[in-house]
C-alpha atoms as a PDB file:
ATOM      1  CA  UNK A   1     -40.237 -24.540 106.660  1.00  0.00           C
ATOM      2  CA  UNK A   2     -39.769 -26.883 103.956  1.00  0.00           C
ATOM      3  CA  UNK A   3     -42.588 -29.269 102.662  1.00  0.00           C
ATOM      4  CA  UNK A   4     -42.274 -32.950 101.696  1.00  0.00           C
ATOM      5  CA  UNK A   5     -46.248 -33.048 101.548  1.00  0.00           C
ATOM      6  CA  UNK A   6     -46.618 -34.020  97.879  1.00  0.00           C
ATOM      7  CA  UNK A   7     -45.103 -33.450  94.601  1.00  0.00           C
ATOM      8  CA  UNK A   8     -47.399 -30.633  93.169  1.00  0.00           C
ATOM      9  CA  UNK A   9     -46.871 -28.106  95.825  1.00  0.00           C
ATOM     10  CA  UNK A  10     -44.097 -26.535  93.323  1.00  0.00           C
ATOM     11  CA  UNK A  11     -45.230 -24.279  90.447  1.00  0.00           C
ATOM     12  CA  UNK A  12     -43.972 -25.282  86.754  1.00  0.00           C
ATOM     13  CA  UNK A  13     -40.651 -26.235  85.638  1.00  0.00           C
ATOM     14  CA  UNK A  14     -38.961 -22.871  84.031  1.00  0.00           C
ATOM     15  CA  UNK A  15     -38.907 -24.661  80.910  1.00  0.00           C
ATOM     16  CA  UNK A  16     -42.292 -25.008  80.686  1.00  0.00           C
ATOM     17  CA  UNK A  17     -43.059 -21.236  82.186  1.00  0.00           C
ATOM     18  CA  UNK A  18     -40.678 -20.085  79.282  1.00  0.00           C
ATOM     19  CA  UNK A  19     -42.643 -21.850  76.452  1.00  0.00           C
ATOM     20  CA  UNK A  20     -45.845 -20.542  77.946  1.00  0.00           C
ATOM     21  CA  UNK A  21     -44.639 -17.046  77.725  1.00  0.00           C
ATOM     22  CA  UNK A  22     -42.840 -17.556  74.386  1.00  0.00           C
ATOM     23  CA  UNK A  23     -46.616 -18.913  73.084  1.00  0.00           C
ATOM     24  CA  UNK A  24     -48.747 -16.258  74.797  1.00  0.00           C
ATOM     25  CA  UNK A  25     -49.009 -13.763  72.125  1.00  0.00           C
ATOM     26  CA  UNK A  26     -50.071 -16.562  69.454  1.00  0.00           C
ATOM     27  CA  UNK A  27     -53.530 -16.465  68.346  1.00  0.00           C
ATOM     28  CA  UNK A  28     -54.653 -20.426  67.992  1.00  0.00           C
ATOM     29  CA  UNK A  29     -58.172 -22.184  67.345  1.00  0.00           C
ATOM     30  CA  UNK A  30     -59.318 -23.333  70.911  1.00  0.00           C
ATOM     31  CA  UNK A  31     -60.755 -26.457  72.391  1.00  0.00           C
ATOM     32  CA  UNK A  32     -57.663 -28.636  71.301  1.00  0.00           C
ATOM     33  CA  UNK A  33     -57.830 -27.712  67.578  1.00  0.00           C
ATOM     34  CA  UNK A  34     -54.576 -25.799  67.731  1.00  0.00           C
ATOM     35  CA  UNK A  35     -51.092 -26.613  66.105  1.00  0.00           C
ATOM     36  CA  UNK A  36     -49.359 -27.375  69.363  1.00  0.00           C
ATOM     37  CA  UNK A  37     -52.183 -29.981  70.390  1.00  0.00           C
ATOM     38  CA  UNK A  38     -51.391 -31.541  67.058  1.00  0.00           C
ATOM     39  CA  UNK A  39     -47.599 -31.543  67.754  1.00  0.00           C
ATOM     40  CA  UNK A  40     -48.002 -32.812  71.098  1.00  0.00           C
ATOM     41  CA  UNK A  41     -49.981 -35.559  70.403  1.00  0.00           C
ATOM     42  CA  UNK A  42     -47.606 -36.665  67.660  1.00  0.00           C
ATOM     43  CA  UNK A  43     -44.471 -36.285  70.143  1.00  0.00           C
ATOM     44  CA  UNK A  44     -46.559 -38.518  72.690  1.00  0.00           C
ATOM     45  CA  UNK A  45     -47.443 -41.334  69.722  1.00  0.00           C
ATOM     46  CA  UNK A  46     -43.518 -41.399  69.115  1.00  0.00           C
ATOM     47  CA  UNK A  47     -42.683 -41.821  72.645  1.00  0.00           C
ATOM     48  CA  UNK A  48     -45.288 -44.769  73.033  1.00  0.00           C
ATOM     49  CA  UNK A  49     -44.269 -45.884  69.594  1.00  0.00           C
ATOM     50  CA  UNK A  50     -47.963 -46.027  68.477  1.00  0.00           C
ATOM     51  CA  UNK A  51     -49.530 -44.074  65.761  1.00  0.00           C
ATOM     52  CA  UNK A  52     -52.937 -45.453  66.619  1.00  0.00           C
ATOM     53  CA  UNK A  53     -53.213 -43.772  70.322  1.00  0.00           C
ATOM     54  CA  UNK A  54     -56.386 -41.646  70.527  1.00  0.00           C
ATOM     55  CA  UNK A  55     -54.959 -38.795  72.950  1.00  0.00           C
ATOM     56  CA  UNK A  56     -56.774 -36.309  74.858  1.00  0.00           C
ATOM     57  CA  UNK A  57     -55.309 -33.438  77.103  1.00  0.00           C
ATOM     58  CA  UNK A  58     -57.124 -32.904  80.650  1.00  0.00           C
ATOM     59  CA  UNK A  59     -56.564 -30.412  83.326  1.00  0.00           C
ATOM     60  CA  UNK A  60     -56.234 -32.904  86.569  1.00  0.00           C
ATOM     61  CA  UNK A  61     -56.242 -36.451  87.487  1.00  0.00           C
ATOM     62  CA  UNK A  62     -59.545 -36.599  88.983  1.00  0.00           C
ATOM     63  CA  UNK A  63     -61.178 -35.192  86.033  1.00  0.00           C
ATOM     64  CA  UNK A  64     -59.413 -37.494  83.806  1.00  0.00           C
ATOM     65  CA  UNK A  65     -60.302 -40.803  85.799  1.00  0.00           C
ATOM     66  CA  UNK A  66     -63.969 -39.896  86.121  1.00  0.00           C
ATOM     67  CA  UNK A  67     -64.299 -38.884  82.452  1.00  0.00           C
ATOM     68  CA  UNK A  68     -62.378 -41.880  81.276  1.00  0.00           C
ATOM     69  CA  UNK A  69     -64.335 -44.481  83.449  1.00  0.00           C
ATOM     70  CA  UNK A  70     -67.725 -43.004  82.894  1.00  0.00           C
ATOM     71  CA  UNK A  71     -67.520 -43.029  79.265  1.00  0.00           C
ATOM     72  CA  UNK A  72     -65.862 -46.461  79.094  1.00  0.00           C
ATOM     73  CA  UNK A  73     -68.350 -48.169  81.343  1.00  0.00           C
ATOM     74  CA  UNK A  74     -72.233 -49.184  80.705  1.00  0.00           C
ATOM     75  CA  UNK A  75     -74.445 -47.993  83.594  1.00  0.00           C
ATOM     76  CA  UNK A  76     -74.419 -51.517  85.187  1.00  0.00           C
ATOM     77  CA  UNK A  77     -70.737 -52.123  84.940  1.00  0.00           C
ATOM     78  CA  UNK A  78     -68.163 -51.698  87.866  1.00  0.00           C
ATOM     79  CA  UNK A  79     -64.448 -50.960  88.476  1.00  0.00           C
ATOM     80  CA  UNK A  80     -62.142 -53.020  90.623  1.00  0.00           C
ATOM     81  CA  UNK A  81     -59.431 -51.126  92.551  1.00  0.00           C
ATOM     82  CA  UNK A  82     -56.740 -51.702  95.267  1.00  0.00           C
ATOM     83  CA  UNK A  83     -58.276 -50.210  98.433  1.00  0.00           C
ATOM     84  CA  UNK A  84     -55.539 -47.930  98.438  1.00  0.00           C
ATOM     85  CA  UNK A  85     -56.484 -46.606  94.783  1.00  0.00           C
ATOM     86  CA  UNK A  86     -57.044 -43.001  94.375  1.00  0.00           C
ATOM     87  CA  UNK A  87     -60.351 -43.144  92.986  1.00  0.00           C
ATOM     88  CA  UNK A  88     -61.482 -45.190  95.979  1.00  0.00           C
ATOM     89  CA  UNK A  89     -59.912 -43.176  98.702  1.00  0.00           C
ATOM     90  CA  UNK A  90     -59.200 -39.740  97.488  1.00  0.00           C
ATOM     91  CA  UNK A  91     -61.485 -38.703  94.928  1.00  0.00           C
ATOM     92  CA  UNK A  92     -64.573 -37.756  96.961  1.00  0.00           C
ATOM     93  CA  UNK A  93     -66.660 -40.692  95.121  1.00  0.00           C
ATOM     94  CA  UNK A  94     -66.399 -39.006  91.732  1.00  0.00           C
ATOM     95  CA  UNK A  95     -66.117 -42.327  89.782  1.00  0.00           C
ATOM     96  CA  UNK A  96     -68.934 -43.621  92.328  1.00  0.00           C
ATOM     97  CA  UNK A  97     -70.977 -40.372  91.681  1.00  0.00           C
ATOM     98  CA  UNK A  98     -70.994 -40.999  87.604  1.00  0.00           C
ATOM     99  CA  UNK A  99     -73.215 -44.102  88.640  1.00  0.00           C
ATOM    100  CA  UNK A 100     -69.905 -46.873  88.632  1.00  0.00           C
ATOM    101  CA  UNK A 101     -69.298 -48.881  91.892  1.00  0.00           C
ATOM    102  CA  UNK A 102     -66.031 -49.330  92.762  1.00  0.00           C
ATOM    103  CA  UNK A 103     -64.934 -52.723  94.496  1.00  0.00           C
ATOM    104  CA  UNK A 104     -62.134 -52.046  96.792  1.00  0.00           C
ATOM    105  CA  UNK A 105     -59.432 -55.067  97.496  1.00  0.00           C
ATOM    106  CA  UNK A 106     -57.514 -55.080 100.447  1.00  0.00           C
ATOM    107  CA  UNK A 107     -53.578 -55.557  99.138  1.00  0.00           C
ATOM    108  CA  UNK A 108     -50.632 -54.891 101.400  1.00  0.00           C
ATOM    109  CA  UNK A 109     -48.404 -53.376  99.109  1.00  0.00           C
ATOM    110  CA  UNK A 110     -51.171 -51.405  97.045  1.00  0.00           C
ATOM    111  CA  UNK A 111     -51.034 -53.692  94.021  1.00  0.00           C
ATOM    112  CA  UNK A 112     -53.748 -55.904  92.360  1.00  0.00           C
ATOM    113  CA  UNK A 113     -52.922 -59.572  91.328  1.00  0.00           C
ATOM    114  CA  UNK A 114     -54.888 -61.948  89.134  1.00  0.00           C
ATOM    115  CA  UNK A 115     -56.603 -63.887  92.036  1.00  0.00           C
ATOM    116  CA  UNK A 116     -57.975 -60.424  93.217  1.00  0.00           C
ATOM    117  CA  UNK A 117     -59.644 -60.285  89.834  1.00  0.00           C
ATOM    118  CA  UNK A 118     -60.834 -63.362  89.808  1.00  0.00           C
ATOM    119  CA  UNK A 119     -62.289 -63.457  93.080  1.00  0.00           C
ATOM    120  CA  UNK A 120     -64.223 -60.160  92.550  1.00  0.00           C
ATOM    121  CA  UNK A 121     -65.905 -61.584  89.150  1.00  0.00           C
ATOM    122  CA  UNK A 122     -66.736 -64.697  90.521  1.00  0.00           C
ATOM    123  CA  UNK A 123     -68.531 -62.963  93.164  1.00  0.00           C
ATOM    124  CA  UNK A 124     -70.877 -60.733  91.135  1.00  0.00           C
ATOM    125  CA  UNK A 125     -71.771 -63.329  88.624  1.00  0.00           C
ATOM    126  CA  UNK A 126     -75.214 -62.485  87.586  1.00  0.00           C
ATOM    127  CA  UNK A 127     -77.529 -59.580  86.628  1.00  0.00           C
ATOM    128  CA  UNK A 128     -78.706 -58.895  90.261  1.00  0.00           C
ATOM    129  CA  UNK A 129     -75.410 -57.524  90.947  1.00  0.00           C
ATOM    130  CA  UNK A 130     -73.334 -54.914  89.229  1.00  0.00           C
ATOM    131  CA  UNK A 131     -70.803 -56.150  86.626  1.00  0.00           C
ATOM    132  CA  UNK A 132     -67.088 -56.005  87.122  1.00  0.00           C
ATOM    133  CA  UNK A 133     -65.935 -54.564  83.841  1.00  0.00           C
ATOM    134  CA  UNK A 134     -62.567 -52.346  84.462  1.00  0.00           C
ATOM    135  CA  UNK A 135     -59.510 -52.920  86.396  1.00  0.00           C
ATOM    136  CA  UNK A 136     -57.909 -49.807  87.761  1.00  0.00           C
ATOM    137  CA  UNK A 137     -54.346 -49.710  88.792  1.00  0.00           C
ATOM    138  CA  UNK A 138     -51.621 -47.157  89.668  1.00  0.00           C
ATOM    139  CA  UNK A 139     -48.242 -46.741  88.544  1.00  0.00           C
ATOM    140  CA  UNK A 140     -46.611 -45.991  90.914  1.00  0.00           C
ATOM    141  CA  UNK A 141     -49.094 -47.038  93.339  1.00  0.00           C
ATOM    142  CA  UNK A 142     -50.337 -44.831  96.150  1.00  0.00           C
ATOM    143  CA  UNK A 143     -47.617 -46.345  98.323  1.00  0.00           C
ATOM    144  CA  UNK A 144     -44.908 -45.985  96.241  1.00  0.00           C
ATOM    145  CA  UNK A 145     -44.663 -49.372  94.834  1.00  0.00           C
ATOM    146  CA  UNK A 146     -44.504 -50.115  91.197  1.00  0.00           C
ATOM    147  CA  UNK A 147     -45.891 -53.096  88.897  1.00  0.00           C
ATOM    148  CA  UNK A 148     -43.156 -55.039  87.020  1.00  0.00           C
ATOM    149  CA  UNK A 149     -43.653 -56.120  83.168  1.00  0.00           C
ATOM    150  CA  UNK A 150     -44.688 -59.769  84.612  1.00  0.00           C
ATOM    151  CA  UNK A 151     -47.271 -58.355  86.980  1.00  0.00           C
ATOM    152  CA  UNK A 152     -48.652 -56.395  84.291  1.00  0.00           C
ATOM    153  CA  UNK A 153     -48.612 -59.128  81.768  1.00  0.00           C
ATOM    154  CA  UNK A 154     -50.104 -61.294  84.348  1.00  0.00           C
ATOM    155  CA  UNK A 155     -53.046 -58.814  84.814  1.00  0.00           C
ATOM    156  CA  UNK A 156     -53.689 -58.316  81.267  1.00  0.00           C
ATOM    157  CA  UNK A 157     -53.803 -62.102  80.773  1.00  0.00           C
ATOM    158  CA  UNK A 158     -56.871 -62.388  83.378  1.00  0.00           C
ATOM    159  CA  UNK A 159     -58.515 -59.266  81.907  1.00  0.00           C
ATOM    160  CA  UNK A 160     -58.397 -60.827  78.674  1.00  0.00           C
ATOM    161  CA  UNK A 161     -59.831 -64.192  79.678  1.00  0.00           C
ATOM    162  CA  UNK A 162     -62.570 -62.518  81.974  1.00  0.00           C
ATOM    163  CA  UNK A 163     -63.287 -59.910  79.310  1.00  0.00           C
ATOM    164  CA  UNK A 164     -62.167 -56.897  81.346  1.00  0.00           C
ATOM    165  CA  UNK A 165     -60.771 -53.371  80.556  1.00  0.00           C
ATOM    166  CA  UNK A 166     -57.309 -52.760  82.059  1.00  0.00           C
ATOM    167  CA  UNK A 167     -57.033 -48.926  82.794  1.00  0.00           C
ATOM    168  CA  UNK A 168     -53.803 -47.050  84.458  1.00  0.00           C
ATOM    169  CA  UNK A 169     -53.529 -44.039  86.602  1.00  0.00           C
ATOM    170  CA  UNK A 170     -50.490 -42.684  85.463  1.00  0.00           C
ATOM    171  CA  UNK A 171     -50.410 -39.400  87.912  1.00  0.00           C
ATOM    172  CA  UNK A 172     -46.643 -40.634  89.104  1.00  0.00           C
ATOM    173  CA  UNK A 173     -45.728 -42.251  85.923  1.00  0.00           C
ATOM    174  CA  UNK A 174     -42.721 -40.225  85.361  1.00  0.00           C
ATOM    175  CA  UNK A 175     -41.236 -41.648  89.036  1.00  0.00           C
ATOM    176  CA  UNK A 176     -42.305 -45.122  88.039  1.00  0.00           C
ATOM    177  CA  UNK A 177     -40.574 -45.171  84.853  1.00  0.00           C
ATOM    178  CA  UNK A 178     -37.135 -44.055  85.931  1.00  0.00           C
ATOM    179  CA  UNK A 179     -37.445 -46.126  89.370  1.00  0.00           C
ATOM    180  CA  UNK A 180     -34.130 -48.190  89.723  1.00  0.00           C
ATOM    181  CA  UNK A 181     -36.386 -51.381  89.764  1.00  0.00           C
ATOM    182  CA  UNK A 182     -38.545 -50.814  86.669  1.00  0.00           C
ATOM    183  CA  UNK A 183     -38.512 -52.735  83.642  1.00  0.00           C
ATOM    184  CA  UNK A 184     -41.613 -51.590  81.993  1.00  0.00           C
ATOM    185  CA  UNK A 185     -41.449 -49.005  79.250  1.00  0.00           C
ATOM    186  CA  UNK A 186     -43.880 -46.346  77.883  1.00  0.00           C
ATOM    187  CA  UNK A 187     -44.326 -48.408  74.613  1.00  0.00           C
ATOM    188  CA  UNK A 188     -44.878 -51.719  76.438  1.00  0.00           C
ATOM    189  CA  UNK A 189     -47.703 -50.086  78.781  1.00  0.00           C
ATOM    190  CA  UNK A 190     -49.461 -48.794  75.559  1.00  0.00           C
ATOM    191  CA  UNK A 191     -49.570 -52.519  74.388  1.00  0.00           C
ATOM    192  CA  UNK A 192     -50.880 -53.780  77.741  1.00  0.00           C
ATOM    193  CA  UNK A 193     -53.455 -51.318  78.588  1.00  0.00           C
ATOM    194  CA  UNK A 194     -56.941 -50.367  77.152  1.00  0.00           C
ATOM    195  CA  UNK A 195     -56.318 -46.825  78.510  1.00  0.00           C
ATOM    196  CA  UNK A 196     -53.982 -44.717  80.447  1.00  0.00           C
ATOM    197  CA  UNK A 197     -52.963 -41.450  81.303  1.00  0.00           C
ATOM    198  CA  UNK A 198     -49.378 -39.793  81.735  1.00  0.00           C
ATOM    199  CA  UNK A 199     -49.128 -37.329  84.628  1.00  0.00           C
ATOM    200  CA  UNK A 200     -48.121 -33.665  84.236  1.00  0.00           C
ATOM    201  CA  UNK A 201     -49.194 -32.019  87.453  1.00  0.00           C
ATOM    202  CA  UNK A 202     -46.728 -34.003  89.434  1.00  0.00           C
ATOM    203  CA  UNK A 203     -43.805 -33.522  87.138  1.00  0.00           C
ATOM    204  CA  UNK A 204     -43.183 -30.245  86.393  1.00  0.00           C
ATOM    205  CA  UNK A 205     -46.435 -29.262  84.542  1.00  0.00           C
ATOM    206  CA  UNK A 206     -48.375 -26.292  86.238  1.00  0.00           C
ATOM    207  CA  UNK A 207     -51.321 -28.520  85.444  1.00  0.00           C
ATOM    208  CA  UNK A 208     -52.432 -31.409  82.888  1.00  0.00           C
ATOM    209  CA  UNK A 209     -52.720 -34.889  82.260  1.00  0.00           C
ATOM    210  CA  UNK A 210     -52.464 -36.774  78.903  1.00  0.00           C
ATOM    211  CA  UNK A 211     -54.938 -39.509  78.184  1.00  0.00           C
ATOM    212  CA  UNK A 212     -54.165 -42.362  76.042  1.00  0.00           C
ATOM    213  CA  UNK A 213     -56.957 -44.351  74.708  1.00  0.00           C
ATOM    214  CA  UNK A 214     -55.426 -47.593  73.122  1.00  0.00           C
ATOM    215  CA  UNK A 215     -58.498 -49.878  72.716  1.00  0.00           C
ATOM    216  CA  UNK A 216     -60.488 -49.241  69.432  1.00  0.00           C
ATOM    217  CA  UNK A 217     -63.978 -50.024  70.893  1.00  0.00           C
ATOM    218  CA  UNK A 218     -63.254 -47.021  73.523  1.00  0.00           C
ATOM    219  CA  UNK A 219     -62.371 -44.571  71.163  1.00  0.00           C
ATOM    220  CA  UNK A 220     -65.759 -43.494  69.459  1.00  0.00           C
ATOM    221  CA  UNK A 221     -67.337 -40.305  70.858  1.00  0.00           C
ATOM    222  CA  UNK A 222     -65.056 -39.911  73.845  1.00  0.00           C
ATOM    223  CA  UNK A 223     -64.925 -36.205  73.353  1.00  0.00           C
ATOM    224  CA  UNK A 224     -68.456 -35.900  73.729  1.00  0.00           C
ATOM    225  CA  UNK A 225     -68.244 -37.277  77.199  1.00  0.00           C
ATOM    226  CA  UNK A 226     -65.269 -35.215  77.551  1.00  0.00           C
ATOM    227  CA  UNK A 227     -66.990 -32.062  76.940  1.00  0.00           C
ATOM    228  CA  UNK A 228     -69.910 -33.040  79.066  1.00  0.00           C
ATOM    229  CA  UNK A 229     -67.840 -33.725  81.851  1.00  0.00           C
ATOM    230  CA  UNK A 230     -66.263 -29.828  81.574  1.00  0.00           C
ATOM    231  CA  UNK A 231     -62.803 -31.750  80.237  1.00  0.00           C
ATOM    232  CA  UNK A 232     -62.341 -29.924  77.239  1.00  0.00           C
ATOM    233  CA  UNK A 233     -60.336 -26.643  78.190  1.00  0.00           C
ATOM    234  CA  UNK A 234     -60.929 -23.824  75.819  1.00  0.00           C
ATOM    235  CA  UNK A 235     -57.522 -22.895  75.813  1.00  0.00           C
ATOM    236  CA  UNK A 236     -56.526 -26.199  75.098  1.00  0.00           C
ATOM    237  CA  UNK A 237     -52.947 -25.293  73.985  1.00  0.00           C
ATOM    238  CA  UNK A 238     -51.857 -24.507  77.637  1.00  0.00           C
ATOM    239  CA  UNK A 239     -52.103 -28.178  78.142  1.00  0.00           C
ATOM    240  CA  UNK A 240     -50.413 -29.414  74.792  1.00  0.00           C
ATOM    241  CA  UNK A 241     -47.450 -26.942  75.356  1.00  0.00           C
ATOM    242  CA  UNK A 242     -46.679 -28.276  78.449  1.00  0.00           C
ATOM    243  CA  UNK A 243     -46.378 -31.668  77.200  1.00  0.00           C
ATOM    244  CA  UNK A 244     -44.564 -30.645  74.410  1.00  0.00           C
ATOM    245  CA  UNK A 245     -41.800 -29.136  76.996  1.00  0.00           C
ATOM    246  CA  UNK A 246     -41.777 -32.433  78.986  1.00  0.00           C
ATOM    247  CA  UNK A 247     -41.314 -34.974  76.216  1.00  0.00           C
ATOM    248  CA  UNK A 248     -38.675 -32.814  74.308  1.00  0.00           C
ATOM    249  CA  UNK A 249     -35.099 -34.040  75.191  1.00  0.00           C
ATOM    250  CA  UNK A 250     -36.202 -36.231  77.945  1.00  0.00           C
ATOM    251  CA  UNK A 251     -37.432 -33.519  80.441  1.00  0.00           C
ATOM    252  CA  UNK A 252     -40.175 -35.994  81.566  1.00  0.00           C
ATOM    253  CA  UNK A 253     -37.480 -38.778  82.628  1.00  0.00           C
ATOM    254  CA  UNK A 254     -35.050 -36.306  84.262  1.00  0.00           C
ATOM    255  CA  UNK A 255     -37.473 -34.722  86.274  1.00  0.00           C
ATOM    256  CA  UNK A 256     -38.571 -38.287  87.414  1.00  0.00           C
ATOM    257  CA  UNK A 257     -35.491 -39.102  88.168  1.00  0.00           C
ATOM    258  CA  UNK A 258     -34.787 -36.151  90.471  1.00  0.00           C
ATOM    259  CA  UNK A 259     -37.413 -37.030  92.632  1.00  0.00           C
ATOM    260  CA  UNK A 260     -36.627 -40.723  92.907  1.00  0.00           C
ATOM    261  CA  UNK A 261     -32.740 -40.173  93.558  1.00  0.00           C
ATOM    262  CA  UNK A 262     -33.500 -37.776  96.440  1.00  0.00           C
ATOM    263  CA  UNK A 263     -36.274 -40.057  97.946  1.00  0.00           C
ATOM    264  CA  UNK A 264     -33.637 -42.730  97.893  1.00  0.00           C
ATOM    265  CA  UNK A 265     -31.120 -40.365  99.625  1.00  0.00           C
ATOM    266  CA  UNK A 266     -33.687 -39.655 102.337  1.00  0.00           C
ATOM    267  CA  UNK A 267     -34.857 -43.140 102.679  1.00  0.00           C
ATOM    268  CA  UNK A 268     -31.549 -44.430 103.216  1.00  0.00           C
ATOM    269  CA  UNK A 269     -30.642 -41.741 105.494  1.00  0.00           C
ATOM    270  CA  UNK A 270     -33.474 -42.446 107.638  1.00  0.00           C
ATOM    271  CA  UNK A 271     -32.659 -46.046 107.827  1.00  0.00           C
ATOM    272  CA  UNK A 272     -29.235 -45.790 108.646  1.00  0.00           C
ATOM    273  CA  UNK A 273     -30.231 -43.607 111.768  1.00  0.00           C
ATOM    274  CA  UNK A 274     -31.807 -46.794 112.682  1.00  0.00           C
ATOM    275  CA  UNK A 275     -35.740 -46.047 111.955  1.00  0.00           C
ATOM    276  CA  UNK A 276     -37.936 -48.480 109.689  1.00  0.00           C
ATOM    277  CA  UNK A 277     -40.060 -47.881 106.913  1.00  0.00           C
ATOM    278  CA  UNK A 278     -43.742 -48.936 106.344  1.00  0.00           C
ATOM    279  CA  UNK A 279     -43.439 -49.962 102.751  1.00  0.00           C
ATOM    280  CA  UNK A 280     -40.483 -50.664 100.468  1.00  0.00           C
ATOM    281  CA  UNK A 281     -40.415 -47.929  97.878  1.00  0.00           C
ATOM    282  CA  UNK A 282     -38.132 -47.183  94.911  1.00  0.00           C
ATOM    283  CA  UNK A 283     -40.138 -44.094  93.837  1.00  0.00           C
ATOM    284  CA  UNK A 284     -40.259 -40.582  95.060  1.00  0.00           C
ATOM    285  CA  UNK A 285     -42.693 -41.504  98.069  1.00  0.00           C
ATOM    286  CA  UNK A 286     -41.435 -42.847 101.175  1.00  0.00           C
ATOM    287  CA  UNK A 287     -43.078 -44.027 104.634  1.00  0.00           C
ATOM    288  CA  UNK A 288     -41.002 -43.901 107.714  1.00  0.00           C
ATOM    289  CA  UNK A 289     -42.449 -44.924 110.814  1.00  0.00           C
ATOM    290  CA  UNK A 290     -41.313 -42.445 113.709  1.00  0.00           C
ATOM    291  CA  UNK A 291     -42.126 -42.111 117.545  1.00  0.00           C
ATOM    292  CA  UNK A 292     -44.779 -39.604 118.399  1.00  0.00           C
ATOM    293  CA  UNK A 293     -42.141 -37.244 120.034  1.00  0.00           C
ATOM    294  CA  UNK A 294     -40.140 -37.542 117.334  1.00  0.00           C
ATOM    295  CA  UNK A 295     -42.970 -36.607 114.653  1.00  0.00           C
ATOM    296  CA  UNK A 296     -43.734 -33.461 116.776  1.00  0.00           C
ATOM    297  CA  UNK A 297     -40.180 -32.336 116.797  1.00  0.00           C
ATOM    298  CA  UNK A 298     -39.810 -32.775 112.831  1.00  0.00           C
ATOM    299  CA  UNK A 299     -43.129 -30.998 112.361  1.00  0.00           C
ATOM    300  CA  UNK A 300     -41.669 -27.879 113.663  1.00  0.00           C
ATOM    301  CA  UNK A 301     -39.327 -27.920 110.626  1.00  0.00           C
ATOM    302  CA  UNK A 302     -41.057 -29.587 107.869  1.00  0.00           C
ATOM    303  CA  UNK A 303     -44.197 -30.161 106.543  1.00  0.00           C
ATOM    304  CA  UNK A 304     -45.704 -33.985 105.544  1.00  0.00           C
ATOM    305  CA  UNK A 305     -48.682 -36.044 106.159  1.00  0.00           C
ATOM    306  CA  UNK A 306     -49.138 -38.390 108.785  1.00  0.00           C
ATOM    307  CA  UNK A 307     -49.956 -41.406 107.173  1.00  0.00           C
ATOM    308  CA  UNK A 308     -51.160 -44.565 109.785  1.00  0.00           C
ATOM    309  CA  UNK A 309     -51.113 -44.721 113.500  1.00  0.00           C
ATOM    310  CA  UNK A 310     -49.213 -47.894 114.287  1.00  0.00           C
ATOM    311  CA  UNK A 311     -48.592 -49.621 117.514  1.00  0.00           C
ATOM    312  CA  UNK A 312     -46.194 -48.459 120.686  1.00  0.00           C
ATOM    313  CA  UNK A 313     -46.968 -44.849 119.971  1.00  0.00           C
ATOM    314  CA  UNK A 314     -45.618 -44.728 116.418  1.00  0.00           C
ATOM    315  CA  UNK A 315     -46.925 -43.739 113.296  1.00  0.00           C
ATOM    316  CA  UNK A 316     -46.144 -43.856 109.333  1.00  0.00           C
ATOM    317  CA  UNK A 317     -45.377 -40.584 107.776  1.00  0.00           C
ATOM    318  CA  UNK A 318     -45.139 -39.822 104.068  1.00  0.00           C
ATOM    319  CA  UNK A 319     -42.301 -37.853 102.741  1.00  0.00           C
ATOM    320  CA  UNK A 320     -42.375 -36.780  99.025  1.00  0.00           C
ATOM    321  CA  UNK A 321     -39.532 -35.700  96.820  1.00  0.00           C
ATOM    322  CA  UNK A 322     -40.340 -33.759  93.956  1.00  0.00           C
ATOM    323  CA  UNK A 323     -39.243 -32.935  90.721  1.00  0.00           C
ATOM    324  CA  UNK A 324     -37.934 -29.626  92.016  1.00  0.00           C
ATOM    325  CA  UNK A 325     -36.808 -30.990  95.743  1.00  0.00           C
ATOM    326  CA  UNK A 326     -33.086 -29.656  96.237  1.00  0.00           C
ATOM    327  CA  UNK A 327     -30.468 -31.855  97.696  1.00  0.00           C
ATOM    328  CA  UNK A 328     -30.155 -29.491 100.674  1.00  0.00           C
ATOM    329  CA  UNK A 329     -33.516 -30.244 101.946  1.00  0.00           C
ATOM    330  CA  UNK A 330     -33.304 -33.729 101.788  1.00  0.00           C
ATOM    331  CA  UNK A 331     -29.705 -33.240 103.553  1.00  0.00           C
ATOM    332  CA  UNK A 332     -31.245 -30.990 106.506  1.00  0.00           C
ATOM    333  CA  UNK A 333     -33.861 -33.525 107.036  1.00  0.00           C
ATOM    334  CA  UNK A 334     -31.337 -36.092 107.745  1.00  0.00           C
ATOM    335  CA  UNK A 335     -29.557 -33.708 110.047  1.00  0.00           C
ATOM    336  CA  UNK A 336     -32.534 -32.520 111.991  1.00  0.00           C
ATOM    337  CA  UNK A 337     -33.568 -36.258 112.626  1.00  0.00           C
ATOM    338  CA  UNK A 338     -30.123 -37.377 113.650  1.00  0.00           C
ATOM    339  CA  UNK A 339     -29.745 -34.890 116.337  1.00  0.00           C
ATOM    340  CA  UNK A 340     -32.392 -36.417 118.197  1.00  0.00           C
ATOM    341  CA  UNK A 341     -31.007 -39.131 120.631  1.00  0.00           C
ATOM    342  CA  UNK A 342     -32.016 -42.093 119.032  1.00  0.00           C
ATOM    343  CA  UNK A 343     -34.322 -43.958 117.114  1.00  0.00           C
ATOM    344  CA  UNK A 344     -36.734 -45.102 120.100  1.00  0.00           C
END
């Protein structure tokens, strides 16, 4: 039974495993004070075209988000997020557990817009309420959509006007940057955002994310908060070696392209059979709508998430193609789906 549930069910890319084995016998300093971490920082700075980036490696996305946001915000400050945002829905209230309220904004496509930001700020306008201070967005979003350069620039402008930080969750950044609809580069992301992270866990790494802090005001003493939150790994080189491998010879982007290409093929095959999708996606997550009986039949051969119950006994499901998904599994899904009588 093949799983389309997520992009972290697979292990690590063979080149990453090889690099970890080849360096396993080396002795290095701990806690990110080793030469591999220094090399990884430099290769990422080069990719961002920003020598002033302050880069830190953490083991996972939730830990990165809660560590960064708790460090960046004062006790009375809050976060603005799309209502589908990972920190609001799928991180067990970790940011709020650090004392920072998350304001969810309802959106149809998972993307925040300037008018959303202005509305929340205007509503929370004096000291008897928590103060919105940071705008959180994901690239790609939880429903596979991506922000264009124009949209990010508009958000940056409103954040500048209202004196807000702008932070990006990049758990699936490889898939966003290699989307056929993308017009935003990694150097531009480094220009627009006060901080963001590059996701490795969902793109070939065994584990790990690379946080880049761009705003000078957010850099001082970050490692104190990082240590307090359990974010500084004793064997820090294990994180760095993985990012060194991902950013040598463009592997990070090649893996993102694989997931997107196969998700695109899967989505086209589903649409060609007469089914519809809940969201338009150009990345590695797709959300087709199936009748209940079709879902039950598909669940006999494939794993995936039921996303949302809809009308007329139908539901949307989430199918994800990862950096490691093979074409044969996409072909098999389309074949099995096509073997049913028709799209109800």
